[in-house]
Amino acid sequence: MLSHHELATLLLIRDADAPIQTLDSDFLALQRYRLVEMDEAGGDSTLRLTTRGRELLRRLTHDEGDERSI
């Protein structure tokens, strides 16, 4: 389960206007869960969401139409 700090970090990476190069424990945890990865193209290492990370955020923020009654 992700902490609120890790979820906030995912949103930060998704919404960043500039490449993010900071590594802290939240970024490392997200990398371990395969939600973010290092993009080393162009000589600079920057963080980006993986397909899995994008899908998680999509489900958390846009799945309103899939409400099922119990």
C-alpha atoms as a PDB file:
ATOM      1  CA  MET A   1       0.000   0.000   0.000  1.00  0.00           C
ATOM      2  CA  LEU A   2       1.281   3.464  -0.866  1.00  0.00           C
ATOM      3  CA  SER A   3       1.621   6.200   1.716  1.00  0.00           C
ATOM      4  CA  HIS A   4       0.072   9.611   1.173  1.00  0.00           C
ATOM      5  CA  HIS A   5       3.609  10.944   0.593  1.00  0.00           C
ATOM      6  CA  GLU A   6       4.196   8.405  -2.178  1.00  0.00           C
ATOM      7  CA  LEU A   7       0.855   9.229  -3.830  1.00  0.00           C
ATOM      8  CA  ALA A   8       1.704  12.934  -3.679  1.00  0.00           C
ATOM      9  CA  THR A   9       5.080  12.174  -5.248  1.00  0.00           C
ATOM     10  CA  LEU A  10       3.394  10.299  -8.117  1.00  0.00           C
ATOM     11  CA  LEU A  11       1.174  13.309  -8.753  1.00  0.00           C
ATOM     12  CA  LEU A  12       4.187  15.616  -8.583  1.00  0.00           C
ATOM     13  CA  ILE A  13       6.018  13.593 -11.220  1.00  0.00           C
ATOM     14  CA  ARG A  14       2.936  13.445 -13.442  1.00  0.00           C
ATOM     15  CA  ASP A  15       2.248  17.184 -13.211  1.00  0.00           C
ATOM     16  CA  ALA A  16       5.826  18.508 -13.252  1.00  0.00           C
ATOM     17  CA  ASP A  17       6.562  21.165 -15.867  1.00  0.00           C
ATOM     18  CA  ALA A  18      10.302  20.513 -15.670  1.00  0.00           C
ATOM     19  CA  PRO A  19      12.210  17.228 -15.327  1.00  0.00           C
ATOM     20  CA  ILE A  20      12.571  16.011 -11.745  1.00  0.00           C
ATOM     21  CA  GLN A  21      16.011  14.821 -10.722  1.00  0.00           C
ATOM     22  CA  THR A  22      15.595  14.505  -6.943  1.00  0.00           C
ATOM     23  CA  LEU A  23      15.838  11.111  -5.273  1.00  0.00           C
ATOM     24  CA  ASP A  24      14.497  10.552  -1.783  1.00  0.00           C
ATOM     25  CA  SER A  25      12.896   7.624   0.028  1.00  0.00           C
ATOM     26  CA  ASP A  26       9.499   8.205  -1.638  1.00  0.00           C
ATOM     27  CA  PHE A  27      11.018   8.120  -5.127  1.00  0.00           C
ATOM     28  CA  LEU A  28      13.008   5.002  -4.253  1.00  0.00           C
ATOM     29  CA  ALA A  29       9.888   3.257  -2.927  1.00  0.00           C
ATOM     30  CA  LEU A  30       7.971   4.145  -6.089  1.00  0.00           C
ATOM     31  CA  GLN A  31      10.831   2.805  -8.176  1.00  0.00           C
ATOM     32  CA  ARG A  32      10.759  -0.439  -6.186  1.00  0.00           C
ATOM     33  CA  TYR A  33       6.995  -0.724  -6.903  1.00  0.00           C
ATOM     34  CA  ARG A  34       7.800  -0.099 -10.608  1.00  0.00           C
ATOM     35  CA  LEU A  35       5.650   3.040 -10.691  1.00  0.00           C
ATOM     36  CA  VAL A  36       8.505   5.368 -11.700  1.00  0.00           C
ATOM     37  CA  GLU A  37      11.757   4.886 -13.562  1.00  0.00           C
ATOM     38  CA  MET A  38      14.901   6.817 -14.338  1.00  0.00           C
ATOM     39  CA  ASP A  39      15.112   8.179 -17.867  1.00  0.00           C
ATOM     40  CA  GLU A  40      18.790   8.575 -18.686  1.00  0.00           C
ATOM     41  CA  ALA A  41      18.371   9.772 -22.273  1.00  0.00           C
ATOM     42  CA  GLY A  42      20.286  12.893 -23.181  1.00  0.00           C
ATOM     43  CA  GLY A  43      22.882  12.493 -20.450  1.00  0.00           C
ATOM     44  CA  ASP A  44      20.649  13.718 -17.591  1.00  0.00           C
ATOM     45  CA  SER A  45      18.804  11.317 -15.309  1.00  0.00           C
ATOM     46  CA  THR A  46      15.187  12.320 -14.742  1.00  0.00           C
ATOM     47  CA  LEU A  47      12.232  10.536 -13.197  1.00  0.00           C
ATOM     48  CA  ARG A  48       9.152   9.571 -15.170  1.00  0.00           C
ATOM     49  CA  LEU A  49       6.057   7.472 -14.581  1.00  0.00           C
ATOM     50  CA  THR A  50       6.003   3.945 -15.899  1.00  0.00           C
ATOM     51  CA  THR A  51       2.964   2.527 -17.664  1.00  0.00           C
ATOM     52  CA  ARG A  52       2.007   0.967 -14.340  1.00  0.00           C
ATOM     53  CA  GLY A  53       2.308   4.333 -12.557  1.00  0.00           C
ATOM     54  CA  ARG A  54       0.195   6.115 -15.191  1.00  0.00           C
ATOM     55  CA  GLU A  55      -2.455   3.387 -14.998  1.00  0.00           C
ATOM     56  CA  LEU A  56      -2.622   3.619 -11.204  1.00  0.00           C
ATOM     57  CA  LEU A  57      -3.164   7.379 -11.329  1.00  0.00           C
ATOM     58  CA  ARG A  58      -5.720   7.004 -14.122  1.00  0.00           C
ATOM     59  CA  ARG A  59      -7.724   4.584 -12.017  1.00  0.00           C
ATOM     60  CA  LEU A  60      -7.501   6.759  -8.926  1.00  0.00           C
ATOM     61  CA  THR A  61      -8.520   9.964 -10.680  1.00  0.00           C
ATOM     62  CA  HIS A  62     -10.779   9.044 -13.627  1.00  0.00           C
ATOM     63  CA  ASP A  63     -12.691   5.861 -12.806  1.00  0.00           C
ATOM     64  CA  GLU A  64     -15.861   7.634 -11.682  1.00  0.00           C
ATOM     65  CA  GLY A  65     -18.077   5.925 -14.255  1.00  0.00           C
ATOM     66  CA  ASP A  66     -17.368   2.427 -12.961  1.00  0.00           C
ATOM     67  CA  GLU A  67     -19.321   2.660  -9.707  1.00  0.00           C
ATOM     68  CA  ARG A  68     -21.015  -0.618  -8.911  1.00  0.00           C
ATOM     69  CA  SER A  69     -23.816  -1.025  -6.427  1.00  0.00           C
ATOM     70  CA  ILE A  70     -23.397  -3.771  -3.899  1.00  0.00           C
END
